[in-house]
Amino acid sequence: MKSTTDVSTITSASFEELVREMIVRLGEDPRREGLERTPDRVHRALVQLTKGYKEDAEAILRGALFSVSYDEMVIVKDIEMFSLCEHHLLPFFGKVHVAYIPNGKVIGLSKLPRLVEVFARRLQVQERLTTQIAETIQNAIEPQGVGVVIEARHLCMMMRGVEKQHSAAVTSSMLGCFRDCKETREEFLSLIRQRANGV
């Protein structure tokens, strides 16, 4: 789904003028050497960091669906994620763990990180990001169940406010058998806790 207010709909000149105004209001001189090109850099950075508004998550998955008889858990864990908090426009970042149990169809493995990227590259809250990933997979292949866990650090907590440097937020979305079956859920959580060396 595309937003009607994504930053690319604002002309480059007007966007850069907004950034110059912000620099002035912060007490700086936008004509200073180090800040002269900052409005253009900020504009280009935000277009890249919010490119998910222009991408169709469901279409990405539809292009890589395969019929299989496999019905065991599929997990892609430790997917790197970077996003922008919609409350302060500060980054949050961490790892996404995705699992599902197929019901006749699987998704090409490389598409799961792509799916994460589509929703992460928007102004977000971690809770919504988690459910969007899970619900999109559920809608695309109607598996027996889907589980998504995100562990993230938020610069709005680390740099401002409570300024807690080592806190992490953990969110989950469990659908189908991941919600209804304790054993399935615990298997998923156990597997994503394992390190690369198996401990």
N, C-alpha and C. Protein backbone atom coordinates (compact mmCIF):
# COMPACT_ATOMS: atom_id res chain seq x y z
N MET A 1 0.84 -1.18 0.00
CA MET A 1 0.00 0.00 0.00
C MET A 1 0.88 1.24 0.00
N LYS A 2 0.59 2.18 -0.87
CA LYS A 2 1.40 3.38 -0.99
C LYS A 2 0.82 4.50 -0.14
N SER A 3 1.71 5.31 0.42
CA SER A 3 1.27 6.47 1.18
C SER A 3 1.05 7.64 0.24
N THR A 4 0.10 8.50 0.56
CA THR A 4 -0.11 9.70 -0.25
C THR A 4 0.74 10.86 0.22
N THR A 5 1.52 10.66 1.29
CA THR A 5 2.30 11.76 1.85
C THR A 5 3.78 11.41 1.98
N ASP A 6 4.29 10.47 1.16
CA ASP A 6 5.70 10.13 1.31
C ASP A 6 6.56 11.30 0.84
N VAL A 7 7.82 11.34 1.34
CA VAL A 7 8.64 12.53 1.15
C VAL A 7 8.97 12.80 -0.30
N SER A 8 8.91 11.81 -1.18
CA SER A 8 9.25 12.04 -2.57
C SER A 8 8.22 12.89 -3.30
N THR A 9 7.01 13.08 -2.71
CA THR A 9 6.00 13.91 -3.36
C THR A 9 6.27 15.40 -3.11
N ILE A 10 7.17 15.71 -2.21
CA ILE A 10 7.54 17.10 -1.94
C ILE A 10 8.69 17.46 -2.88
N THR A 11 8.63 18.61 -3.52
CA THR A 11 9.69 18.98 -4.44
C THR A 11 11.01 19.08 -3.69
N SER A 12 12.10 18.81 -4.40
CA SER A 12 13.42 18.85 -3.78
C SER A 12 13.69 20.22 -3.16
N ALA A 13 13.36 21.27 -3.89
CA ALA A 13 13.64 22.63 -3.40
C ALA A 13 12.89 22.93 -2.12
N SER A 14 11.59 22.57 -2.06
CA SER A 14 10.82 22.89 -0.87
C SER A 14 11.27 22.04 0.32
N PHE A 15 11.64 20.79 0.06
CA PHE A 15 12.13 19.94 1.15
C PHE A 15 13.42 20.52 1.72
N GLU A 16 14.32 20.89 0.84
CA GLU A 16 15.61 21.43 1.30
C GLU A 16 15.42 22.76 2.04
N GLU A 17 14.42 23.53 1.63
CA GLU A 17 14.14 24.79 2.33
C GLU A 17 13.65 24.50 3.75
N LEU A 18 12.86 23.45 3.92
CA LEU A 18 12.41 23.06 5.26
C LEU A 18 13.60 22.68 6.13
N VAL A 19 14.56 21.96 5.58
CA VAL A 19 15.73 21.56 6.35
C VAL A 19 16.56 22.78 6.72
N ARG A 20 16.73 23.72 5.77
CA ARG A 20 17.47 24.95 6.09
C ARG A 20 16.80 25.70 7.23
N GLU A 21 15.46 25.77 7.18
CA GLU A 21 14.72 26.45 8.25
C GLU A 21 14.95 25.75 9.59
N MET A 22 14.96 24.45 9.58
CA MET A 22 15.19 23.69 10.81
C MET A 22 16.58 24.00 11.36
N ILE A 23 17.59 24.04 10.48
CA ILE A 23 18.96 24.33 10.91
C ILE A 23 19.02 25.71 11.55
N VAL A 24 18.34 26.70 10.96
CA VAL A 24 18.31 28.05 11.52
C VAL A 24 17.66 28.03 12.89
N ARG A 25 16.54 27.32 13.03
CA ARG A 25 15.81 27.29 14.30
C ARG A 25 16.59 26.56 15.38
N LEU A 26 17.51 25.69 14.98
CA LEU A 26 18.38 25.02 15.95
C LEU A 26 19.54 25.90 16.38
N GLY A 27 19.67 27.08 15.76
CA GLY A 27 20.70 28.02 16.15
C GLY A 27 21.97 27.96 15.32
N GLU A 28 21.88 27.34 14.15
CA GLU A 28 23.05 27.20 13.28
C GLU A 28 22.88 28.03 12.02
N ASP A 29 23.98 28.14 11.27
CA ASP A 29 24.00 28.89 10.02
C ASP A 29 24.04 27.91 8.85
N PRO A 30 22.97 27.77 8.09
CA PRO A 30 22.96 26.80 6.98
C PRO A 30 23.94 27.16 5.86
N ARG A 31 24.52 28.37 5.91
CA ARG A 31 25.51 28.75 4.90
C ARG A 31 26.93 28.36 5.29
N ARG A 32 27.07 27.85 6.54
CA ARG A 32 28.39 27.41 6.99
C ARG A 32 28.86 26.24 6.13
N GLU A 33 30.18 26.16 5.90
CA GLU A 33 30.73 25.17 4.97
C GLU A 33 30.22 23.75 5.25
N GLY A 34 30.25 23.34 6.50
CA GLY A 34 29.84 21.97 6.81
C GLY A 34 28.35 21.72 6.66
N LEU A 35 27.56 22.78 6.60
CA LEU A 35 26.10 22.64 6.52
C LEU A 35 25.52 23.02 5.16
N GLU A 36 26.33 23.56 4.27
CA GLU A 36 25.82 24.05 2.99
C GLU A 36 25.05 22.99 2.21
N ARG A 37 25.58 21.79 2.18
CA ARG A 37 24.94 20.72 1.40
C ARG A 37 24.09 19.79 2.25
N THR A 38 23.93 20.12 3.53
CA THR A 38 23.15 19.27 4.43
C THR A 38 21.68 19.13 3.99
N PRO A 39 21.00 20.19 3.58
CA PRO A 39 19.60 20.01 3.15
C PRO A 39 19.45 18.98 2.03
N ASP A 40 20.34 19.01 1.05
CA ASP A 40 20.28 18.03 -0.03
C ASP A 40 20.56 16.63 0.49
N ARG A 41 21.56 16.50 1.37
CA ARG A 41 21.90 15.18 1.93
C ARG A 41 20.74 14.61 2.75
N VAL A 42 20.11 15.47 3.56
CA VAL A 42 18.99 15.01 4.39
C VAL A 42 17.84 14.55 3.50
N HIS A 43 17.57 15.32 2.45
CA HIS A 43 16.49 14.94 1.54
C HIS A 43 16.75 13.58 0.92
N ARG A 44 17.94 13.37 0.38
CA ARG A 44 18.27 12.10 -0.26
C ARG A 44 18.25 10.94 0.75
N ALA A 45 18.73 11.21 1.96
CA ALA A 45 18.75 10.17 2.99
C ALA A 45 17.33 9.75 3.37
N LEU A 46 16.45 10.71 3.55
CA LEU A 46 15.08 10.37 3.95
C LEU A 46 14.30 9.67 2.84
N VAL A 47 14.57 10.05 1.60
CA VAL A 47 13.93 9.33 0.49
C VAL A 47 14.35 7.86 0.53
N GLN A 48 15.64 7.60 0.76
CA GLN A 48 16.12 6.22 0.82
C GLN A 48 15.55 5.50 2.04
N LEU A 49 15.53 6.17 3.18
CA LEU A 49 15.10 5.52 4.42
C LEU A 49 13.60 5.28 4.49
N THR A 50 12.84 5.91 3.59
CA THR A 50 11.39 5.70 3.56
C THR A 50 10.93 5.12 2.22
N LYS A 51 11.82 4.45 1.51
CA LYS A 51 11.48 3.91 0.19
C LYS A 51 10.43 2.81 0.27
N GLY A 52 10.19 2.26 1.44
CA GLY A 52 9.19 1.22 1.59
C GLY A 52 7.78 1.66 1.24
N TYR A 53 7.51 2.97 1.31
CA TYR A 53 6.19 3.46 0.94
C TYR A 53 5.89 3.22 -0.53
N LYS A 54 6.92 3.10 -1.36
CA LYS A 54 6.74 2.93 -2.80
C LYS A 54 6.76 1.46 -3.21
N GLU A 55 6.94 0.56 -2.26
CA GLU A 55 7.07 -0.86 -2.59
C GLU A 55 5.85 -1.64 -2.12
N ASP A 56 5.48 -2.64 -2.87
CA ASP A 56 4.30 -3.45 -2.59
C ASP A 56 4.77 -4.79 -1.99
N ALA A 57 4.58 -4.95 -0.70
CA ALA A 57 5.07 -6.14 0.00
C ALA A 57 4.42 -7.41 -0.53
N GLU A 58 3.13 -7.37 -0.76
CA GLU A 58 2.44 -8.57 -1.23
C GLU A 58 2.90 -8.97 -2.63
N ALA A 59 3.19 -7.99 -3.49
CA ALA A 59 3.68 -8.30 -4.84
C ALA A 59 5.05 -8.95 -4.79
N ILE A 60 5.89 -8.52 -3.86
CA ILE A 60 7.21 -9.12 -3.71
C ILE A 60 7.08 -10.60 -3.36
N LEU A 61 6.18 -10.93 -2.46
CA LEU A 61 5.99 -12.34 -2.08
C LEU A 61 5.33 -13.14 -3.19
N ARG A 62 4.37 -12.55 -3.88
CA ARG A 62 3.69 -13.28 -4.96
C ARG A 62 4.66 -13.73 -6.04
N GLY A 63 5.75 -13.02 -6.22
CA GLY A 63 6.73 -13.37 -7.24
C GLY A 63 7.63 -14.52 -6.86
N ALA A 64 7.49 -15.07 -5.67
CA ALA A 64 8.38 -16.15 -5.23
C ALA A 64 7.66 -17.16 -4.35
N LEU A 65 6.52 -17.64 -4.82
CA LEU A 65 5.76 -18.66 -4.10
C LEU A 65 5.92 -20.00 -4.82
N PHE A 66 6.15 -21.05 -4.04
CA PHE A 66 6.40 -22.36 -4.63
C PHE A 66 5.55 -23.42 -3.92
N SER A 67 4.97 -24.31 -4.72
CA SER A 67 4.17 -25.41 -4.16
C SER A 67 5.09 -26.52 -3.67
N VAL A 68 4.88 -26.97 -2.43
CA VAL A 68 5.70 -28.03 -1.84
C VAL A 68 4.84 -28.89 -0.93
N SER A 69 5.37 -30.07 -0.61
CA SER A 69 4.68 -30.92 0.35
C SER A 69 5.31 -30.80 1.74
N TYR A 70 6.31 -29.94 1.89
CA TYR A 70 7.04 -29.76 3.16
C TYR A 70 6.10 -29.13 4.18
N ASP A 71 6.09 -29.68 5.40
CA ASP A 71 5.20 -29.11 6.41
C ASP A 71 5.88 -28.96 7.77
N GLU A 72 7.20 -28.80 7.74
CA GLU A 72 7.94 -28.50 8.97
C GLU A 72 8.23 -27.01 9.04
N MET A 73 8.69 -26.55 10.19
CA MET A 73 8.92 -25.13 10.40
C MET A 73 10.04 -24.59 9.52
N VAL A 74 9.77 -23.45 8.89
CA VAL A 74 10.77 -22.71 8.12
C VAL A 74 11.13 -21.46 8.91
N ILE A 75 12.42 -21.27 9.19
CA ILE A 75 12.86 -20.11 9.97
C ILE A 75 13.96 -19.37 9.23
N VAL A 76 13.83 -18.06 9.17
CA VAL A 76 14.94 -17.19 8.78
C VAL A 76 15.16 -16.26 9.95
N LYS A 77 16.30 -16.38 10.60
CA LYS A 77 16.52 -15.57 11.81
C LYS A 77 17.67 -14.59 11.61
N ASP A 78 17.77 -13.66 12.54
CA ASP A 78 18.83 -12.66 12.54
C ASP A 78 18.84 -11.80 11.28
N ILE A 79 17.66 -11.45 10.78
CA ILE A 79 17.57 -10.53 9.64
C ILE A 79 17.83 -9.12 10.18
N GLU A 80 18.86 -8.47 9.67
CA GLU A 80 19.18 -7.11 10.14
C GLU A 80 18.07 -6.14 9.72
N MET A 81 17.73 -5.25 10.63
CA MET A 81 16.65 -4.30 10.38
C MET A 81 17.06 -2.92 10.87
N PHE A 82 16.79 -1.90 10.05
CA PHE A 82 17.00 -0.50 10.41
C PHE A 82 15.73 0.25 10.04
N SER A 83 15.21 1.04 10.96
CA SER A 83 14.00 1.79 10.68
C SER A 83 14.06 3.14 11.39
N LEU A 84 13.02 3.96 11.16
CA LEU A 84 12.92 5.27 11.80
C LEU A 84 11.69 5.31 12.69
N CYS A 85 11.89 5.66 13.94
CA CYS A 85 10.79 5.83 14.89
C CYS A 85 9.89 6.98 14.42
N GLU A 86 8.61 6.73 14.31
CA GLU A 86 7.72 7.77 13.82
C GLU A 86 7.48 8.88 14.84
N HIS A 87 7.86 8.67 16.09
CA HIS A 87 7.62 9.69 17.12
C HIS A 87 8.71 10.75 17.16
N HIS A 88 9.97 10.35 16.89
CA HIS A 88 11.08 11.30 16.99
C HIS A 88 11.94 11.36 15.75
N LEU A 89 11.62 10.54 14.74
CA LEU A 89 12.44 10.42 13.52
C LEU A 89 13.88 10.04 13.85
N LEU A 90 14.06 9.25 14.90
CA LEU A 90 15.36 8.71 15.25
C LEU A 90 15.38 7.22 14.90
N PRO A 91 16.55 6.68 14.57
CA PRO A 91 16.61 5.28 14.16
C PRO A 91 16.32 4.31 15.30
N PHE A 92 15.78 3.15 14.92
CA PHE A 92 15.85 1.97 15.76
C PHE A 92 16.30 0.82 14.87
N PHE A 93 16.99 -0.12 15.49
CA PHE A 93 17.65 -1.15 14.69
C PHE A 93 17.78 -2.43 15.50
N GLY A 94 17.88 -3.55 14.80
CA GLY A 94 18.02 -4.81 15.51
C GLY A 94 17.88 -5.99 14.59
N LYS A 95 17.31 -7.08 15.11
CA LYS A 95 17.19 -8.34 14.38
C LYS A 95 15.73 -8.78 14.32
N VAL A 96 15.38 -9.35 13.17
CA VAL A 96 14.04 -9.89 12.97
C VAL A 96 14.16 -11.39 12.76
N HIS A 97 13.31 -12.14 13.44
CA HIS A 97 13.27 -13.60 13.29
C HIS A 97 11.87 -13.96 12.76
N VAL A 98 11.84 -14.69 11.65
CA VAL A 98 10.57 -15.02 10.99
C VAL A 98 10.47 -16.53 10.86
N ALA A 99 9.31 -17.08 11.17
CA ALA A 99 9.07 -18.52 10.99
C ALA A 99 7.64 -18.74 10.52
N TYR A 100 7.47 -19.81 9.77
CA TYR A 100 6.11 -20.23 9.41
C TYR A 100 6.12 -21.73 9.15
N ILE A 101 4.95 -22.33 9.24
CA ILE A 101 4.78 -23.75 8.91
C ILE A 101 3.92 -23.80 7.65
N PRO A 102 4.49 -24.29 6.54
CA PRO A 102 3.78 -24.25 5.26
C PRO A 102 2.49 -25.07 5.26
N ASN A 103 1.63 -24.67 4.35
CA ASN A 103 0.38 -25.40 4.12
C ASN A 103 0.21 -25.56 2.61
N GLY A 104 1.27 -26.14 1.98
CA GLY A 104 1.23 -26.36 0.54
C GLY A 104 2.06 -25.39 -0.27
N LYS A 105 2.45 -24.26 0.34
CA LYS A 105 3.28 -23.28 -0.37
C LYS A 105 4.38 -22.74 0.54
N VAL A 106 5.54 -22.45 -0.07
CA VAL A 106 6.62 -21.77 0.65
C VAL A 106 7.00 -20.50 -0.11
N ILE A 107 7.71 -19.62 0.61
CA ILE A 107 8.19 -18.36 0.05
C ILE A 107 9.69 -18.49 -0.19
N GLY A 108 10.17 -18.03 -1.34
CA GLY A 108 11.61 -18.01 -1.57
C GLY A 108 12.32 -17.33 -0.41
N LEU A 109 13.37 -17.96 0.11
CA LEU A 109 13.99 -17.50 1.35
C LEU A 109 14.47 -16.05 1.27
N SER A 110 14.97 -15.63 0.11
CA SER A 110 15.50 -14.26 0.01
C SER A 110 14.40 -13.21 0.10
N LYS A 111 13.14 -13.63 -0.09
CA LYS A 111 12.05 -12.66 -0.06
C LYS A 111 11.66 -12.25 1.36
N LEU A 112 12.00 -13.07 2.35
CA LEU A 112 11.65 -12.69 3.72
C LEU A 112 12.46 -11.48 4.19
N PRO A 113 13.79 -11.42 3.97
CA PRO A 113 14.49 -10.17 4.28
C PRO A 113 13.98 -8.99 3.46
N ARG A 114 13.59 -9.23 2.20
CA ARG A 114 13.02 -8.15 1.39
C ARG A 114 11.73 -7.63 2.00
N LEU A 115 10.91 -8.55 2.51
CA LEU A 115 9.66 -8.16 3.15
C LEU A 115 9.92 -7.30 4.38
N VAL A 116 10.88 -7.72 5.19
CA VAL A 116 11.26 -6.94 6.37
C VAL A 116 11.67 -5.53 5.95
N GLU A 117 12.48 -5.45 4.90
CA GLU A 117 12.99 -4.16 4.43
C GLU A 117 11.86 -3.23 3.98
N VAL A 118 10.87 -3.78 3.28
CA VAL A 118 9.76 -2.96 2.80
C VAL A 118 9.07 -2.24 3.95
N PHE A 119 8.77 -2.96 5.02
CA PHE A 119 8.06 -2.34 6.14
C PHE A 119 8.97 -1.54 7.05
N ALA A 120 10.25 -1.94 7.14
CA ALA A 120 11.19 -1.19 7.99
C ALA A 120 11.52 0.17 7.40
N ARG A 121 11.52 0.27 6.06
CA ARG A 121 11.88 1.53 5.41
C ARG A 121 10.66 2.45 5.32
N ARG A 122 10.05 2.66 6.46
CA ARG A 122 8.93 3.58 6.62
C ARG A 122 9.04 4.20 8.00
N LEU A 123 8.28 5.23 8.28
CA LEU A 123 8.19 5.74 9.65
C LEU A 123 7.38 4.71 10.43
N GLN A 124 7.95 4.19 11.51
CA GLN A 124 7.39 3.00 12.11
C GLN A 124 7.36 3.06 13.63
N VAL A 125 6.58 2.16 14.20
CA VAL A 125 6.74 1.72 15.58
C VAL A 125 7.00 0.22 15.51
N GLN A 126 7.76 -0.28 16.44
CA GLN A 126 8.20 -1.68 16.38
C GLN A 126 7.02 -2.64 16.42
N GLU A 127 6.01 -2.31 17.20
CA GLU A 127 4.86 -3.20 17.34
C GLU A 127 4.14 -3.37 15.99
N ARG A 128 3.93 -2.27 15.28
CA ARG A 128 3.25 -2.35 13.98
C ARG A 128 4.11 -3.10 12.97
N LEU A 129 5.40 -2.81 12.96
CA LEU A 129 6.32 -3.50 12.05
C LEU A 129 6.22 -5.01 12.22
N THR A 130 6.18 -5.47 13.46
CA THR A 130 6.10 -6.90 13.75
C THR A 130 4.84 -7.52 13.18
N THR A 131 3.69 -6.88 13.41
CA THR A 131 2.44 -7.45 12.94
C THR A 131 2.30 -7.36 11.42
N GLN A 132 2.84 -6.30 10.81
CA GLN A 132 2.75 -6.17 9.35
C GLN A 132 3.48 -7.32 8.65
N ILE A 133 4.65 -7.66 9.15
CA ILE A 133 5.42 -8.76 8.56
C ILE A 133 4.63 -10.06 8.67
N ALA A 134 4.13 -10.36 9.87
CA ALA A 134 3.41 -11.62 10.10
C ALA A 134 2.13 -11.68 9.26
N GLU A 135 1.36 -10.63 9.24
CA GLU A 135 0.07 -10.66 8.53
C GLU A 135 0.26 -10.75 7.02
N THR A 136 1.33 -10.15 6.49
CA THR A 136 1.57 -10.22 5.05
C THR A 136 1.91 -11.65 4.64
N ILE A 137 2.72 -12.34 5.45
CA ILE A 137 3.03 -13.75 5.17
C ILE A 137 1.77 -14.59 5.27
N GLN A 138 0.97 -14.35 6.29
CA GLN A 138 -0.27 -15.09 6.48
C GLN A 138 -1.19 -14.93 5.27
N ASN A 139 -1.33 -13.70 4.79
CA ASN A 139 -2.21 -13.44 3.65
C ASN A 139 -1.67 -14.04 2.36
N ALA A 140 -0.35 -14.09 2.22
CA ALA A 140 0.26 -14.53 0.96
C ALA A 140 0.16 -16.03 0.75
N ILE A 141 0.40 -16.82 1.80
CA ILE A 141 0.45 -18.28 1.60
C ILE A 141 -0.48 -19.07 2.51
N GLU A 142 -1.20 -18.39 3.38
CA GLU A 142 -2.12 -19.06 4.31
C GLU A 142 -1.48 -20.30 4.94
N PRO A 143 -0.35 -20.10 5.62
CA PRO A 143 0.32 -21.24 6.25
C PRO A 143 -0.44 -21.72 7.47
N GLN A 144 0.06 -22.81 8.08
CA GLN A 144 -0.54 -23.28 9.33
C GLN A 144 -0.36 -22.26 10.44
N GLY A 145 0.70 -21.50 10.35
CA GLY A 145 0.95 -20.46 11.35
C GLY A 145 2.18 -19.66 10.99
N VAL A 146 2.28 -18.48 11.59
CA VAL A 146 3.42 -17.57 11.39
C VAL A 146 3.86 -17.04 12.74
N GLY A 147 5.18 -16.93 12.92
CA GLY A 147 5.72 -16.29 14.11
C GLY A 147 6.77 -15.27 13.70
N VAL A 148 6.70 -14.08 14.28
CA VAL A 148 7.70 -13.03 14.04
C VAL A 148 8.12 -12.45 15.39
N VAL A 149 9.42 -12.37 15.60
CA VAL A 149 9.96 -11.74 16.80
C VAL A 149 10.97 -10.69 16.36
N ILE A 150 10.89 -9.49 16.94
CA ILE A 150 11.86 -8.43 16.66
C ILE A 150 12.49 -8.00 17.97
N GLU A 151 13.82 -7.94 17.96
CA GLU A 151 14.60 -7.41 19.07
C GLU A 151 15.30 -6.16 18.57
N ALA A 152 15.05 -5.01 19.19
CA ALA A 152 15.59 -3.77 18.64
C ALA A 152 16.02 -2.80 19.74
N ARG A 153 16.98 -1.98 19.38
CA ARG A 153 17.43 -0.86 20.22
C ARG A 153 16.96 0.45 19.58
N HIS A 154 16.47 1.34 20.42
CA HIS A 154 15.86 2.58 19.94
C HIS A 154 16.70 3.78 20.39
N LEU A 155 17.17 4.55 19.43
CA LEU A 155 17.98 5.72 19.79
C LEU A 155 17.16 6.77 20.53
N CYS A 156 15.84 6.76 20.38
CA CYS A 156 15.03 7.71 21.15
C CYS A 156 15.06 7.38 22.63
N MET A 157 15.39 6.13 23.00
CA MET A 157 15.59 5.77 24.40
C MET A 157 17.04 5.91 24.81
N MET A 158 17.96 5.71 23.88
CA MET A 158 19.38 5.68 24.21
C MET A 158 20.01 7.07 24.24
N MET A 159 19.54 7.97 23.36
CA MET A 159 20.16 9.30 23.23
C MET A 159 19.39 10.39 23.96
N ARG A 160 18.11 10.15 24.23
CA ARG A 160 17.28 11.19 24.85
C ARG A 160 16.37 10.51 25.87
N GLY A 161 15.51 11.29 26.51
CA GLY A 161 14.56 10.70 27.46
C GLY A 161 15.26 9.97 28.58
N VAL A 162 15.01 8.67 28.71
CA VAL A 162 15.56 7.91 29.83
C VAL A 162 17.05 7.60 29.66
N GLU A 163 17.57 7.71 28.42
CA GLU A 163 18.99 7.51 28.13
C GLU A 163 19.53 6.20 28.68
N LYS A 164 18.83 5.13 28.39
CA LYS A 164 19.26 3.79 28.81
C LYS A 164 19.96 3.12 27.63
N GLN A 165 21.28 2.91 27.79
CA GLN A 165 22.11 2.49 26.67
C GLN A 165 21.99 1.01 26.33
N HIS A 166 21.59 0.18 27.28
CA HIS A 166 21.65 -1.26 27.05
C HIS A 166 20.27 -1.92 27.02
N SER A 167 19.23 -1.13 26.91
CA SER A 167 17.89 -1.70 26.88
C SER A 167 17.51 -2.07 25.45
N ALA A 168 16.75 -3.14 25.32
CA ALA A 168 16.26 -3.57 24.02
C ALA A 168 14.77 -3.86 24.14
N ALA A 169 14.03 -3.55 23.09
CA ALA A 169 12.60 -3.85 23.04
C ALA A 169 12.40 -5.13 22.25
N VAL A 170 11.57 -6.02 22.77
CA VAL A 170 11.26 -7.28 22.09
C VAL A 170 9.76 -7.33 21.85
N THR A 171 9.37 -7.54 20.58
CA THR A 171 7.96 -7.66 20.23
C THR A 171 7.75 -8.95 19.45
N SER A 172 6.55 -9.48 19.52
CA SER A 172 6.25 -10.71 18.78
C SER A 172 4.84 -10.65 18.22
N SER A 173 4.67 -11.38 17.12
CA SER A 173 3.34 -11.60 16.55
C SER A 173 3.24 -13.07 16.22
N MET A 174 2.29 -13.76 16.82
CA MET A 174 2.09 -15.19 16.62
C MET A 174 0.69 -15.42 16.04
N LEU A 175 0.65 -16.08 14.89
CA LEU A 175 -0.62 -16.34 14.22
C LEU A 175 -0.79 -17.85 14.02
N GLY A 176 -2.03 -18.31 13.95
CA GLY A 176 -2.31 -19.71 13.68
C GLY A 176 -1.74 -20.61 14.75
N CYS A 177 -1.04 -21.67 14.33
CA CYS A 177 -0.54 -22.66 15.29
C CYS A 177 0.55 -22.09 16.21
N PHE A 178 1.19 -21.00 15.82
CA PHE A 178 2.17 -20.38 16.71
C PHE A 178 1.49 -19.73 17.90
N ARG A 179 0.25 -19.28 17.70
CA ARG A 179 -0.53 -18.72 18.80
C ARG A 179 -1.23 -19.82 19.59
N ASP A 180 -1.77 -20.81 18.88
CA ASP A 180 -2.64 -21.80 19.50
C ASP A 180 -1.89 -22.97 20.15
N CYS A 181 -0.68 -23.26 19.67
CA CYS A 181 0.05 -24.45 20.14
C CYS A 181 1.31 -24.03 20.90
N LYS A 182 1.31 -24.27 22.18
CA LYS A 182 2.45 -23.88 23.02
C LYS A 182 3.74 -24.54 22.55
N GLU A 183 3.67 -25.81 22.13
CA GLU A 183 4.88 -26.53 21.72
C GLU A 183 5.50 -25.90 20.47
N THR A 184 4.67 -25.50 19.51
CA THR A 184 5.16 -24.87 18.29
C THR A 184 5.83 -23.54 18.62
N ARG A 185 5.16 -22.77 19.46
CA ARG A 185 5.70 -21.47 19.85
C ARG A 185 7.03 -21.63 20.58
N GLU A 186 7.10 -22.57 21.49
CA GLU A 186 8.33 -22.77 22.26
C GLU A 186 9.47 -23.30 21.38
N GLU A 187 9.13 -24.13 20.39
CA GLU A 187 10.17 -24.61 19.47
C GLU A 187 10.78 -23.43 18.71
N PHE A 188 9.92 -22.54 18.22
CA PHE A 188 10.39 -21.35 17.50
C PHE A 188 11.29 -20.49 18.39
N LEU A 189 10.81 -20.20 19.59
CA LEU A 189 11.59 -19.33 20.49
C LEU A 189 12.91 -19.99 20.89
N SER A 190 12.90 -21.29 21.06
CA SER A 190 14.14 -22.00 21.39
C SER A 190 15.13 -21.94 20.24
N LEU A 191 14.66 -22.11 19.01
CA LEU A 191 15.54 -22.11 17.86
C LEU A 191 16.15 -20.75 17.59
N ILE A 192 15.40 -19.68 17.83
CA ILE A 192 15.98 -18.35 17.55
C ILE A 192 16.93 -17.92 18.67
N ARG A 193 16.86 -18.58 19.84
CA ARG A 193 17.81 -18.26 20.92
C ARG A 193 19.15 -18.94 20.69
N GLN A 194 19.19 -19.99 19.89
CA GLN A 194 20.44 -20.71 19.64
C GLN A 194 21.41 -19.85 18.85
N ARG A 195 22.66 -19.87 19.24
CA ARG A 195 23.71 -19.15 18.52
C ARG A 195 24.15 -19.97 17.31
N ALA A 196 25.00 -19.37 16.50
CA ALA A 196 25.48 -20.04 15.30
C ALA A 196 26.21 -21.33 15.61
N ASN A 197 26.87 -21.42 16.78
CA ASN A 197 27.59 -22.64 17.14
C ASN A 197 26.71 -23.66 17.84
N GLY A 198 25.40 -23.35 17.90
CA GLY A 198 24.46 -24.32 18.46
C GLY A 198 24.28 -24.25 19.95
N VAL A 199 24.84 -23.22 20.62
CA VAL A 199 24.67 -23.09 22.06
C VAL A 199 23.96 -21.80 22.41
